[in-house]
Amino acid sequence: MNNKRIFKVSFLQEDSVFEIYAKSVAESDMFGFLVVEGVLFGEKTSIVVDPSEERLKAEFNGVKRTYIPMHAVLRIDEVEQQGAAKVKPTTKETASKVTPFAKSLYKPQDESH
């Protein structure tokens, strides 16, 4: 049995949906963020070059861990196999399927009581 866990993380960033694969996803010590460690990319020996994956490789080059705001996360899946990392532009159709979280998860306490 293979004990290596792989997570597919989909999140919004600048009018695009990013899909990355990582070894670890956890709640961060920084309030409102998830920490993603061990970002994985496809084989370097591949002849076919995917510009979307190359963009992500450049963006995450040298990154040990990344912190993603919880409200930007669309989905986290534990998968059996790693796929290709992707950047997809959001469209009117995909944007209508996404319901954002409330702007604030917690309301400040009323200090008058």
PDB file of N, CA and C in Angstrom:
ATOM      1  N   MET A   1       0.830  -1.185   0.000  1.00  0.00           N
ATOM      2  CA  MET A   1       0.000   0.000   0.000  1.00  0.00           C
ATOM      3  C   MET A   1       0.876   1.250   0.000  1.00  0.00           C
ATOM      4  N   ASN A   2       0.542   2.212  -0.847  1.00  0.00           N
ATOM      5  CA  ASN A   2       1.305   3.431  -0.966  1.00  0.00           C
ATOM      6  C   ASN A   2       0.847   4.434   0.087  1.00  0.00           C
ATOM      7  N   ASN A   3       1.761   4.860   0.970  1.00  0.00           N
ATOM      8  CA  ASN A   3       1.409   5.782   2.044  1.00  0.00           C
ATOM      9  C   ASN A   3       1.593   7.239   1.650  1.00  0.00           C
ATOM     10  N   LYS A   4       2.035   7.504   0.425  1.00  0.00           N
ATOM     11  CA  LYS A   4       2.213   8.877  -0.022  1.00  0.00           C
ATOM     12  C   LYS A   4       0.851   9.472  -0.358  1.00  0.00           C
ATOM     13  N   ARG A   5       0.542  10.583   0.289  1.00  0.00           N
ATOM     14  CA  ARG A   5      -0.737  11.251   0.048  1.00  0.00           C
ATOM     15  C   ARG A   5      -0.502  12.387  -0.941  1.00  0.00           C
ATOM     16  N   ILE A   6      -1.447  12.564  -1.855  1.00  0.00           N
ATOM     17  CA  ILE A   6      -1.387  13.650  -2.828  1.00  0.00           C
ATOM     18  C   ILE A   6      -2.715  14.390  -2.775  1.00  0.00           C
ATOM     19  N   PHE A   7      -2.633  15.710  -2.692  1.00  0.00           N
ATOM     20  CA  PHE A   7      -3.821  16.547  -2.638  1.00  0.00           C
ATOM     21  C   PHE A   7      -3.891  17.435  -3.873  1.00  0.00           C
ATOM     22  N   LYS A   8      -5.087  17.536  -4.431  1.00  0.00           N
ATOM     23  CA  LYS A   8      -5.344  18.467  -5.529  1.00  0.00           C
ATOM     24  C   LYS A   8      -6.078  19.654  -4.913  1.00  0.00           C
ATOM     25  N   VAL A   9      -5.502  20.840  -5.039  1.00  0.00           N
ATOM     26  CA  VAL A   9      -6.061  22.051  -4.444  1.00  0.00           C
ATOM     27  C   VAL A   9      -6.475  22.986  -5.575  1.00  0.00           C
ATOM     28  N   SER A  10      -7.752  23.373  -5.584  1.00  0.00           N
ATOM     29  CA  SER A  10      -8.268  24.326  -6.570  1.00  0.00           C
ATOM     30  C   SER A  10      -8.615  25.614  -5.833  1.00  0.00           C
ATOM     31  N   PHE A  11      -8.097  26.736  -6.348  1.00  0.00           N
ATOM     32  CA  PHE A  11      -8.362  28.020  -5.704  1.00  0.00           C
ATOM     33  C   PHE A  11      -8.385  29.140  -6.737  1.00  0.00           C
ATOM     34  N   LEU A  12      -9.049  30.228  -6.358  1.00  0.00           N
ATOM     35  CA  LEU A  12      -9.154  31.401  -7.218  1.00  0.00           C
ATOM     36  C   LEU A  12      -8.009  32.351  -6.948  1.00  0.00           C
ATOM     37  N   GLN A  13      -7.474  32.900  -8.043  1.00  0.00           N
ATOM     38  CA  GLN A  13      -6.463  33.951  -7.927  1.00  0.00           C
ATOM     39  C   GLN A  13      -6.510  34.788  -9.191  1.00  0.00           C
ATOM     40  N   GLU A  14      -6.798  36.066  -9.033  1.00  0.00           N
ATOM     41  CA  GLU A  14      -6.791  37.022 -10.141  1.00  0.00           C
ATOM     42  C   GLU A  14      -7.572  36.538 -11.362  1.00  0.00           C
ATOM     43  N   ASP A  15      -8.829  36.282 -11.216  1.00  0.00           N
ATOM     44  CA  ASP A  15      -9.711  35.873 -12.310  1.00  0.00           C
ATOM     45  C   ASP A  15      -9.297  34.560 -12.969  1.00  0.00           C
ATOM     46  N   SER A  16      -8.576  33.723 -12.255  1.00  0.00           N
ATOM     47  CA  SER A  16      -8.174  32.408 -12.761  1.00  0.00           C
ATOM     48  C   SER A  16      -8.409  31.360 -11.686  1.00  0.00           C
ATOM     49  N   VAL A  17      -8.631  30.132 -12.135  1.00  0.00           N
ATOM     50  CA  VAL A  17      -8.720  28.996 -11.223  1.00  0.00           C
ATOM     51  C   VAL A  17      -7.398  28.247 -11.326  1.00  0.00           C
ATOM     52  N   PHE A  18      -6.690  28.158 -10.214  1.00  0.00           N
ATOM     53  CA  PHE A  18      -5.433  27.423 -10.152  1.00  0.00           C
ATOM     54  C   PHE A  18      -5.729  26.035  -9.612  1.00  0.00           C
ATOM     55  N   GLU A  19      -5.173  25.015 -10.246  1.00  0.00           N
ATOM     56  CA  GLU A  19      -5.241  23.634  -9.752  1.00  0.00           C
ATOM     57  C   GLU A  19      -3.815  23.161  -9.571  1.00  0.00           C
ATOM     58  N   ILE A  20      -3.445  22.922  -8.316  1.00  0.00           N
ATOM     59  CA  ILE A  20      -2.099  22.444  -8.026  1.00  0.00           C
ATOM     60  C   ILE A  20      -2.177  21.142  -7.239  1.00  0.00           C
ATOM     61  N   TYR A  21      -1.099  20.399  -7.274  1.00  0.00           N
ATOM     62  CA  TYR A  21      -0.985  19.152  -6.517  1.00  0.00           C
ATOM     63  C   TYR A  21       0.095  19.346  -5.469  1.00  0.00           C
ATOM     64  N   ALA A  22      -0.162  18.811  -4.267  1.00  0.00           N
ATOM     65  CA  ALA A  22       0.768  19.013  -3.162  1.00  0.00           C
ATOM     66  C   ALA A  22       0.814  17.791  -2.263  1.00  0.00           C
ATOM     67  N   LYS A  23       1.892  17.709  -1.486  1.00  0.00           N
ATOM     68  CA  LYS A  23       2.077  16.609  -0.545  1.00  0.00           C
ATOM     69  C   LYS A  23       1.337  16.841   0.765  1.00  0.00           C
ATOM     70  N   SER A  24       1.112  18.119   1.112  1.00  0.00           N
ATOM     71  CA  SER A  24       0.522  18.423   2.412  1.00  0.00           C
ATOM     72  C   SER A  24      -0.354  19.670   2.332  1.00  0.00           C
ATOM     73  N   VAL A  25      -1.528  19.589   2.969  1.00  0.00           N
ATOM     74  CA  VAL A  25      -2.436  20.729   3.101  1.00  0.00           C
ATOM     75  C   VAL A  25      -2.907  20.747   4.550  1.00  0.00           C
ATOM     76  N   ALA A  26      -2.817  21.906   5.184  1.00  0.00           N
ATOM     77  CA  ALA A  26      -3.215  22.000   6.590  1.00  0.00           C
ATOM     78  C   ALA A  26      -3.689  23.410   6.908  1.00  0.00           C
ATOM     79  N   GLU A  27      -4.381  23.523   8.038  1.00  0.00           N
ATOM     80  CA  GLU A  27      -4.780  24.831   8.537  1.00  0.00           C
ATOM     81  C   GLU A  27      -3.519  25.551   8.997  1.00  0.00           C
ATOM     82  N   SER A  28      -3.416  26.821   8.675  1.00  0.00           N
ATOM     83  CA  SER A  28      -2.245  27.610   9.023  1.00  0.00           C
ATOM     84  C   SER A  28      -2.399  28.225  10.408  1.00  0.00           C
ATOM     85  N   ASP A  29      -1.277  28.599  11.000  1.00  0.00           N
ATOM     86  CA  ASP A  29      -1.300  29.364  12.250  1.00  0.00           C
ATOM     87  C   ASP A  29      -1.773  30.791  11.997  1.00  0.00           C
ATOM     88  N   MET A  30      -1.634  31.235  10.750  1.00  0.00           N
ATOM     89  CA  MET A  30      -2.132  32.559  10.391  1.00  0.00           C
ATOM     90  C   MET A  30      -3.626  32.446  10.152  1.00  0.00           C
ATOM     91  N   PHE A  31      -4.408  33.211  10.854  1.00  0.00           N
ATOM     92  CA  PHE A  31      -5.865  33.142  10.787  1.00  0.00           C
ATOM     93  C   PHE A  31      -6.363  33.341   9.354  1.00  0.00           C
ATOM     94  N   GLY A  32      -7.212  32.412   8.901  1.00  0.00           N
ATOM     95  CA  GLY A  32      -7.854  32.547   7.605  1.00  0.00           C
ATOM     96  C   GLY A  32      -7.062  32.006   6.430  1.00  0.00           C
ATOM     97  N   PHE A  33      -5.974  31.291   6.689  1.00  0.00           N
ATOM     98  CA  PHE A  33      -5.155  30.761   5.606  1.00  0.00           C
ATOM     99  C   PHE A  33      -4.959  29.254   5.747  1.00  0.00           C
ATOM    100  N   LEU A  34      -4.775  28.597   4.592  1.00  0.00           N
ATOM    101  CA  LEU A  34      -4.338  27.203   4.544  1.00  0.00           C
ATOM    102  C   LEU A  34      -2.878  27.205   4.128  1.00  0.00           C
ATOM    103  N   VAL A  35      -2.124  26.276   4.666  1.00  0.00           N
ATOM    104  CA  VAL A  35      -0.736  26.146   4.254  1.00  0.00           C
ATOM    105  C   VAL A  35      -0.631  24.922   3.346  1.00  0.00           C
ATOM    106  N   VAL A  36       0.001  25.117   2.197  1.00  0.00           N
ATOM    107  CA  VAL A  36       0.185  24.052   1.214  1.00  0.00           C
ATOM    108  C   VAL A  36       1.687  23.859   1.056  1.00  0.00           C
ATOM    109  N   GLU A  37       2.145  22.624   1.287  1.00  0.00           N
ATOM    110  CA  GLU A  37       3.574  22.334   1.200  1.00  0.00           C
ATOM    111  C   GLU A  37       3.837  21.231   0.187  1.00  0.00           C
ATOM    112  N   GLY A  38       5.019  21.274  -0.394  1.00  0.00           N
ATOM    113  CA  GLY A  38       5.427  20.231  -1.333  1.00  0.00           C
ATOM    114  C   GLY A  38       4.632  20.262  -2.621  1.00  0.00           C
ATOM    115  N   VAL A  39       4.592  21.408  -3.289  1.00  0.00           N
ATOM    116  CA  VAL A  39       3.873  21.515  -4.558  1.00  0.00           C
ATOM    117  C   VAL A  39       4.537  20.593  -5.574  1.00  0.00           C
ATOM    118  N   LEU A  40       3.716  19.787  -6.253  1.00  0.00           N
ATOM    119  CA  LEU A  40       4.204  18.780  -7.193  1.00  0.00           C
ATOM    120  C   LEU A  40       3.914  19.197  -8.635  1.00  0.00           C
ATOM    121  N   PHE A  41       4.847  18.868  -9.528  1.00  0.00           N
ATOM    122  CA  PHE A  41       4.666  19.120 -10.950  1.00  0.00           C
ATOM    123  C   PHE A  41       4.975  17.855 -11.723  1.00  0.00           C
ATOM    124  N   GLY A  42       4.556  17.817 -12.993  1.00  0.00           N
ATOM    125  CA  GLY A  42       4.739  16.638 -13.837  1.00  0.00           C
ATOM    126  C   GLY A  42       6.195  16.334 -14.112  1.00  0.00           C
ATOM    127  N   GLU A  43       6.407  15.272 -14.862  1.00  0.00           N
ATOM    128  CA  GLU A  43       7.748  14.816 -15.210  1.00  0.00           C
ATOM    129  C   GLU A  43       8.511  15.876 -15.991  1.00  0.00           C
ATOM    130  N   LYS A  44       9.779  16.075 -15.642  1.00  0.00           N
ATOM    131  CA  LYS A  44      10.612  17.034 -16.358  1.00  0.00           C
ATOM    132  C   LYS A  44      11.095  16.464 -17.688  1.00  0.00           C
ATOM    133  N   THR A  45      10.952  15.167 -17.896  1.00  0.00           N
ATOM    134  CA  THR A  45      11.421  14.539 -19.126  1.00  0.00           C
ATOM    135  C   THR A  45      10.365  14.555 -20.221  1.00  0.00           C
ATOM    136  N   SER A  46       9.200  15.064 -19.932  1.00  0.00           N
ATOM    137  CA  SER A  46       8.110  15.087 -20.895  1.00  0.00           C
ATOM    138  C   SER A  46       8.461  15.953 -22.098  1.00  0.00           C
ATOM    139  N   ILE A  47       8.158  15.474 -23.294  1.00  0.00           N
ATOM    140  CA  ILE A  47       8.437  16.216 -24.515  1.00  0.00           C
ATOM    141  C   ILE A  47       7.389  17.304 -24.725  1.00  0.00           C
ATOM    142  N   VAL A  48       6.148  17.020 -24.391  1.00  0.00           N
ATOM    143  CA  VAL A  48       5.069  17.983 -24.562  1.00  0.00           C
ATOM    144  C   VAL A  48       5.118  18.996 -23.420  1.00  0.00           C
ATOM    145  N   VAL A  49       5.106  20.273 -23.772  1.00  0.00           N
ATOM    146  CA  VAL A  49       5.173  21.338 -22.774  1.00  0.00           C
ATOM    147  C   VAL A  49       3.802  21.987 -22.661  1.00  0.00           C
ATOM    148  N   ASP A  50       3.277  22.017 -21.432  1.00  0.00           N
ATOM    149  CA  ASP A  50       1.993  22.650 -21.157  1.00  0.00           C
ATOM    150  C   ASP A  50       2.277  24.057 -20.631  1.00  0.00           C
ATOM    151  N   PRO A  51       1.893  25.115 -21.394  1.00  0.00           N
ATOM    152  CA  PRO A  51       2.188  26.478 -20.947  1.00  0.00           C
ATOM    153  C   PRO A  51       1.567  26.817 -19.587  1.00  0.00           C
ATOM    154  N   SER A  52       0.406  26.243 -19.302  1.00  0.00           N
ATOM    155  CA  SER A  52      -0.264  26.486 -18.028  1.00  0.00           C
ATOM    156  C   SER A  52       0.583  25.941 -16.877  1.00  0.00           C
ATOM    157  N   GLU A  53       1.076  24.721 -17.038  1.00  0.00           N
ATOM    158  CA  GLU A  53       1.903  24.125 -15.987  1.00  0.00           C
ATOM    159  C   GLU A  53       3.245  24.848 -15.875  1.00  0.00           C
ATOM    160  N   GLU A  54       3.783  25.285 -16.995  1.00  0.00           N
ATOM    161  CA  GLU A  54       5.054  26.025 -16.967  1.00  0.00           C
ATOM    162  C   GLU A  54       4.892  27.345 -16.212  1.00  0.00           C
ATOM    163  N   ARG A  55       3.736  27.995 -16.373  1.00  0.00           N
ATOM    164  CA  ARG A  55       3.451  29.234 -15.638  1.00  0.00           C
ATOM    165  C   ARG A  55       3.453  28.965 -14.129  1.00  0.00           C
ATOM    166  N   LEU A  56       2.820  27.860 -13.735  1.00  0.00           N
ATOM    167  CA  LEU A  56       2.778  27.514 -12.311  1.00  0.00           C
ATOM    168  C   LEU A  56       4.156  27.146 -11.783  1.00  0.00           C
ATOM    169  N   LYS A  57       4.941  26.425 -12.590  1.00  0.00           N
ATOM    170  CA  LYS A  57       6.303  26.082 -12.168  1.00  0.00           C
ATOM    171  C   LYS A  57       7.106  27.340 -11.901  1.00  0.00           C
ATOM    172  N   ALA A  58       6.970  28.325 -12.788  1.00  0.00           N
ATOM    173  CA  ALA A  58       7.700  29.584 -12.609  1.00  0.00           C
ATOM    174  C   ALA A  58       7.203  30.325 -11.367  1.00  0.00           C
ATOM    175  N   GLU A  59       5.896  30.324 -11.156  1.00  0.00           N
ATOM    176  CA  GLU A  59       5.331  31.040 -10.013  1.00  0.00           C
ATOM    177  C   GLU A  59       5.727  30.398  -8.683  1.00  0.00           C
ATOM    178  N   PHE A  60       5.797  29.072  -8.628  1.00  0.00           N
ATOM    179  CA  PHE A  60       6.104  28.381  -7.373  1.00  0.00           C
ATOM    180  C   PHE A  60       7.561  27.929  -7.284  1.00  0.00           C
ATOM    181  N   ASN A  61       8.406  28.386  -8.191  1.00  0.00           N
ATOM    182  CA  ASN A  61       9.821  28.033  -8.177  1.00  0.00           C
ATOM    183  C   ASN A  61      10.467  28.538  -6.884  1.00  0.00           C
ATOM    184  N   GLY A  62      11.070  27.649  -6.133  1.00  0.00           N
ATOM    185  CA  GLY A  62      11.747  28.012  -4.892  1.00  0.00           C
ATOM    186  C   GLY A  62      10.828  28.208  -3.696  1.00  0.00           C
ATOM    187  N   VAL A  63       9.534  27.951  -3.854  1.00  0.00           N
ATOM    188  CA  VAL A  63       8.578  28.125  -2.756  1.00  0.00           C
ATOM    189  C   VAL A  63       8.545  26.854  -1.915  1.00  0.00           C
ATOM    190  N   LYS A  64       8.870  26.997  -0.635  1.00  0.00           N
ATOM    191  CA  LYS A  64       8.840  25.849   0.279  1.00  0.00           C
ATOM    192  C   LYS A  64       7.411  25.531   0.698  1.00  0.00           C
ATOM    193  N   ARG A  65       6.655  26.577   1.028  1.00  0.00           N
ATOM    194  CA  ARG A  65       5.242  26.440   1.374  1.00  0.00           C
ATOM    195  C   ARG A  65       4.534  27.705   0.943  1.00  0.00           C
ATOM    196  N   THR A  66       3.257  27.560   0.626  1.00  0.00           N
ATOM    197  CA  THR A  66       2.464  28.716   0.236  1.00  0.00           C
ATOM    198  C   THR A  66       1.227  28.787   1.119  1.00  0.00           C
ATOM    199  N   TYR A  67       0.786  30.000   1.372  1.00  0.00           N
ATOM    200  CA  TYR A  67      -0.387  30.237   2.211  1.00  0.00           C
ATOM    201  C   TYR A  67      -1.500  30.763   1.312  1.00  0.00           C
ATOM    202  N   ILE A  68      -2.620  30.065   1.298  1.00  0.00           N
ATOM    203  CA  ILE A  68      -3.743  30.415   0.442  1.00  0.00           C
ATOM    204  C   ILE A  68      -4.897  30.859   1.328  1.00  0.00           C
ATOM    205  N   PRO A  69      -5.483  32.030   1.040  1.00  0.00           N
ATOM    206  CA  PRO A  69      -6.625  32.470   1.845  1.00  0.00           C
ATOM    207  C   PRO A  69      -7.767  31.457   1.750  1.00  0.00           C
ATOM    208  N   MET A  70      -8.365  31.135   2.888  1.00  0.00           N
ATOM    209  CA  MET A  70      -9.442  30.135   2.902  1.00  0.00           C
ATOM    210  C   MET A  70     -10.591  30.513   1.980  1.00  0.00           C
ATOM    211  N   HIS A  71     -10.901  31.799   1.885  1.00  0.00           N
ATOM    212  CA  HIS A  71     -12.028  32.206   1.050  1.00  0.00           C
ATOM    213  C   HIS A  71     -11.741  32.040  -0.446  1.00  0.00           C
ATOM    214  N   ALA A  72     -10.474  31.819  -0.829  1.00  0.00           N
ATOM    215  CA  ALA A  72     -10.131  31.612  -2.233  1.00  0.00           C
ATOM    216  C   ALA A  72     -10.187  30.135  -2.625  1.00  0.00           C
ATOM    217  N   VAL A  73     -10.201  29.229  -1.642  1.00  0.00           N
ATOM    218  CA  VAL A  73     -10.171  27.796  -1.922  1.00  0.00           C
ATOM    219  C   VAL A  73     -11.538  27.334  -2.411  1.00  0.00           C
ATOM    220  N   LEU A  74     -11.526  26.654  -3.551  1.00  0.00           N
ATOM    221  CA  LEU A  74     -12.755  26.106  -4.100  1.00  0.00           C
ATOM    222  C   LEU A  74     -12.948  24.659  -3.680  1.00  0.00           C
ATOM    223  N   ARG A  75     -11.847  23.915  -3.656  1.00  0.00           N
ATOM    224  CA  ARG A  75     -11.962  22.479  -3.376  1.00  0.00           C
ATOM    225  C   ARG A  75     -10.594  21.900  -3.061  1.00  0.00           C
ATOM    226  N   ILE A  76     -10.584  20.890  -2.181  1.00  0.00           N
ATOM    227  CA  ILE A  76      -9.372  20.119  -1.886  1.00  0.00           C
ATOM    228  C   ILE A  76      -9.753  18.653  -1.975  1.00  0.00           C
ATOM    229  N   ASP A  77      -9.055  17.914  -2.818  1.00  0.00           N
ATOM    230  CA  ASP A  77      -9.306  16.486  -2.988  1.00  0.00           C
ATOM    231  C   ASP A  77      -8.039  15.704  -2.683  1.00  0.00           C
ATOM    232  N   GLU A  78      -8.181  14.582  -1.982  1.00  0.00           N
ATOM    233  CA  GLU A  78      -7.068  13.648  -1.863  1.00  0.00           C
ATOM    234  C   GLU A  78      -7.200  12.698  -3.048  1.00  0.00           C
ATOM    235  N   VAL A  79      -6.159  12.614  -3.865  1.00  0.00           N
ATOM    236  CA  VAL A  79      -6.222  11.837  -5.100  1.00  0.00           C
ATOM    237  C   VAL A  79      -5.198  10.708  -5.070  1.00  0.00           C
ATOM    238  N   GLU A  80      -5.430   9.722  -5.917  1.00  0.00           N
ATOM    239  CA  GLU A  80      -4.512   8.585  -5.985  1.00  0.00           C
ATOM    240  C   GLU A  80      -3.302   8.881  -6.855  1.00  0.00           C
ATOM    241  N   GLN A  81      -3.515   9.693  -7.903  1.00  0.00           N
ATOM    242  CA  GLN A  81      -2.420  10.003  -8.805  1.00  0.00           C
ATOM    243  C   GLN A  81      -2.347  11.503  -9.036  1.00  0.00           C
ATOM    244  N   GLN A  82      -1.135  11.958  -9.223  1.00  0.00           N
ATOM    245  CA  GLN A  82      -0.915  13.361  -9.528  1.00  0.00           C
ATOM    246  C   GLN A  82      -1.282  13.614 -10.988  1.00  0.00           C
ATOM    247  N   GLY A  83      -1.917  14.726 -11.241  1.00  0.00           N
ATOM    248  CA  GLY A  83      -2.228  15.140 -12.605  1.00  0.00           C
ATOM    249  C   GLY A  83      -1.396  16.355 -12.960  1.00  0.00           C
ATOM    250  N   ALA A  84      -1.742  16.968 -14.066  1.00  0.00           N
ATOM    251  CA  ALA A  84      -1.033  18.172 -14.497  1.00  0.00           C
ATOM    252  C   ALA A  84      -1.612  19.385 -13.786  1.00  0.00           C
ATOM    253  N   ALA A  85      -0.727  20.227 -13.287  1.00  0.00           N
ATOM    254  CA  ALA A  85      -1.154  21.487 -12.672  1.00  0.00           C
ATOM    255  C   ALA A  85      -1.691  22.382 -13.780  1.00  0.00           C
ATOM    256  N   LYS A  86      -2.719  23.183 -13.469  1.00  0.00           N
ATOM    257  CA  LYS A  86      -3.370  23.990 -14.495  1.00  0.00           C
ATOM    258  C   LYS A  86      -3.724  25.367 -13.968  1.00  0.00           C
ATOM    259  N   VAL A  87      -3.804  26.301 -14.902  1.00  0.00           N
ATOM    260  CA  VAL A  87      -4.381  27.611 -14.643  1.00  0.00           C
ATOM    261  C   VAL A  87      -5.460  27.784 -15.693  1.00  0.00           C
ATOM    262  N   LYS A  88      -6.701  27.975 -15.243  1.00  0.00           N
ATOM    263  CA  LYS A  88      -7.818  28.142 -16.167  1.00  0.00           C
ATOM    264  C   LYS A  88      -8.466  29.493 -15.898  1.00  0.00           C
ATOM    265  N   PRO A  89      -8.752  30.244 -16.953  1.00  0.00           N
ATOM    266  CA  PRO A  89      -9.457  31.510 -16.725  1.00  0.00           C
ATOM    267  C   PRO A  89     -10.875  31.241 -16.251  1.00  0.00           C
ATOM    268  N   THR A  90     -11.354  32.086 -15.355  1.00  0.00           N
ATOM    269  CA  THR A  90     -12.740  31.933 -14.933  1.00  0.00           C
ATOM    270  C   THR A  90     -13.626  32.481 -16.044  1.00  0.00           C
ATOM    271  N   THR A  91     -14.741  31.847 -16.228  1.00  0.00           N
ATOM    272  CA  THR A  91     -15.702  32.292 -17.225  1.00  0.00           C
ATOM    273  C   THR A  91     -16.974  32.674 -16.504  1.00  0.00           C
ATOM    274  N   LYS A  92     -17.884  33.256 -17.220  1.00  0.00           N
ATOM    275  CA  LYS A  92     -19.163  33.627 -16.622  1.00  0.00           C
ATOM    276  C   LYS A  92     -19.852  32.379 -16.068  1.00  0.00           C
ATOM    277  N   GLU A  93     -19.709  31.266 -16.789  1.00  0.00           N
ATOM    278  CA  GLU A  93     -20.339  30.009 -16.372  1.00  0.00           C
ATOM    279  C   GLU A  93     -19.718  29.477 -15.087  1.00  0.00           C
ATOM    280  N   THR A  94     -18.390  29.464 -14.987  1.00  0.00           N
ATOM    281  CA  THR A  94     -17.753  28.948 -13.771  1.00  0.00           C
ATOM    282  C   THR A  94     -17.929  29.911 -12.616  1.00  0.00           C
ATOM    283  N   ALA A  95     -17.924  31.200 -12.898  1.00  0.00           N
ATOM    284  CA  ALA A  95     -18.095  32.181 -11.827  1.00  0.00           C
ATOM    285  C   ALA A  95     -19.466  32.058 -11.178  1.00  0.00           C
ATOM    286  N   SER A  96     -20.489  31.707 -11.960  1.00  0.00           N
ATOM    287  CA  SER A  96     -21.830  31.590 -11.396  1.00  0.00           C
ATOM    288  C   SER A  96     -21.978  30.335 -10.540  1.00  0.00           C
ATOM    289  N   LYS A  97     -21.086  29.371 -10.698  1.00  0.00           N
ATOM    290  CA  LYS A  97     -21.144  28.135  -9.920  1.00  0.00           C
ATOM    291  C   LYS A  97     -20.417  28.262  -8.587  1.00  0.00           C
ATOM    292  N   VAL A  98     -19.675  29.342  -8.388  1.00  0.00           N
ATOM    293  CA  VAL A  98     -18.891  29.529  -7.182  1.00  0.00           C
ATOM    294  C   VAL A  98     -19.616  30.496  -6.261  1.00  0.00           C
ATOM    295  N   THR A  99     -19.872  30.056  -5.045  1.00  0.00           N
ATOM    296  CA  THR A  99     -20.483  30.915  -4.040  1.00  0.00           C
ATOM    297  C   THR A  99     -19.411  31.292  -3.032  1.00  0.00           C
ATOM    298  N   PRO A 100     -19.046  32.573  -2.967  1.00  0.00           N
ATOM    299  CA  PRO A 100     -17.981  32.961  -2.034  1.00  0.00           C
ATOM    300  C   PRO A 100     -18.444  32.879  -0.593  1.00  0.00           C
ATOM    301  N   PHE A 101     -17.468  32.667   0.300  1.00  0.00           N
ATOM    302  CA  PHE A 101     -17.749  32.693   1.726  1.00  0.00           C
ATOM    303  C   PHE A 101     -18.082  34.120   2.128  1.00  0.00           C
ATOM    304  N   ALA A 102     -18.681  34.246   3.281  1.00  0.00           N
ATOM    305  CA  ALA A 102     -18.942  35.584   3.810  1.00  0.00           C
ATOM    306  C   ALA A 102     -17.617  36.303   3.991  1.00  0.00           C
ATOM    307  N   LYS A 103     -17.654  37.613   3.935  1.00  0.00           N
ATOM    308  CA  LYS A 103     -16.408  38.380   4.054  1.00  0.00           C
ATOM    309  C   LYS A 103     -15.739  38.177   5.403  1.00  0.00           C
ATOM    310  N   SER A 104     -16.520  38.013   6.448  1.00  0.00           N
ATOM    311  CA  SER A 104     -15.954  37.791   7.768  1.00  0.00           C
ATOM    312  C   SER A 104     -16.572  36.533   8.365  1.00  0.00           C
ATOM    313  N   LEU A 105     -15.718  35.638   8.803  1.00  0.00           N
ATOM    314  CA  LEU A 105     -16.212  34.415   9.413  1.00  0.00           C
ATOM    315  C   LEU A 105     -16.688  34.654  10.841  1.00  0.00           C
ATOM    316  N   TYR A 106     -16.101  35.643  11.485  1.00  0.00           N
ATOM    317  CA  TYR A 106     -16.437  35.923  12.875  1.00  0.00           C
ATOM    318  C   TYR A 106     -16.861  37.376  13.010  1.00  0.00           C
ATOM    319  N   LYS A 107     -17.877  37.587  13.818  1.00  0.00           N
ATOM    320  CA  LYS A 107     -18.327  38.947  14.099  1.00  0.00           C
ATOM    321  C   LYS A 107     -17.707  39.397  15.412  1.00  0.00           C
ATOM    322  N   PRO A 108     -17.269  40.664  15.475  1.00  0.00           N
ATOM    323  CA  PRO A 108     -16.703  41.133  16.738  1.00  0.00           C
ATOM    324  C   PRO A 108     -17.762  41.148  17.835  1.00  0.00           C
ATOM    325  N   GLN A 109     -17.342  40.881  19.030  1.00  0.00           N
ATOM    326  CA  GLN A 109     -18.281  40.868  20.160  1.00  0.00           C
ATOM    327  C   GLN A 109     -18.702  42.288  20.484  1.00  0.00           C
ATOM    328  N   ASP A 110     -19.942  42.419  20.875  1.00  0.00           N
ATOM    329  CA  ASP A 110     -20.455  43.717  21.283  1.00  0.00           C
ATOM    330  C   ASP A 110     -19.838  44.053  22.629  1.00  0.00           C
ATOM    331  N   GLU A 111     -19.078  45.134  22.690  1.00  0.00           N
ATOM    332  CA  GLU A 111     -18.364  45.508  23.921  1.00  0.00           C
ATOM    333  C   GLU A 111     -19.253  46.200  24.935  1.00  0.00           C
ATOM    334  N   SER A 112     -20.508  46.497  24.573  1.00  0.00           N
ATOM    335  CA  SER A 112     -21.383  47.191  25.515  1.00  0.00           C
ATOM    336  C   SER A 112     -21.965  46.238  26.578  1.00  0.00           C
ATOM    337  N   HIS A 113     -21.820  44.934  26.391  1.00  0.00           N
ATOM    338  CA  HIS A 113     -22.366  43.978  27.366  1.00  0.00           C
ATOM    339  C   HIS A 113     -21.326  43.564  28.358  1.00  0.00           C
TER     340      HIS A 113
END
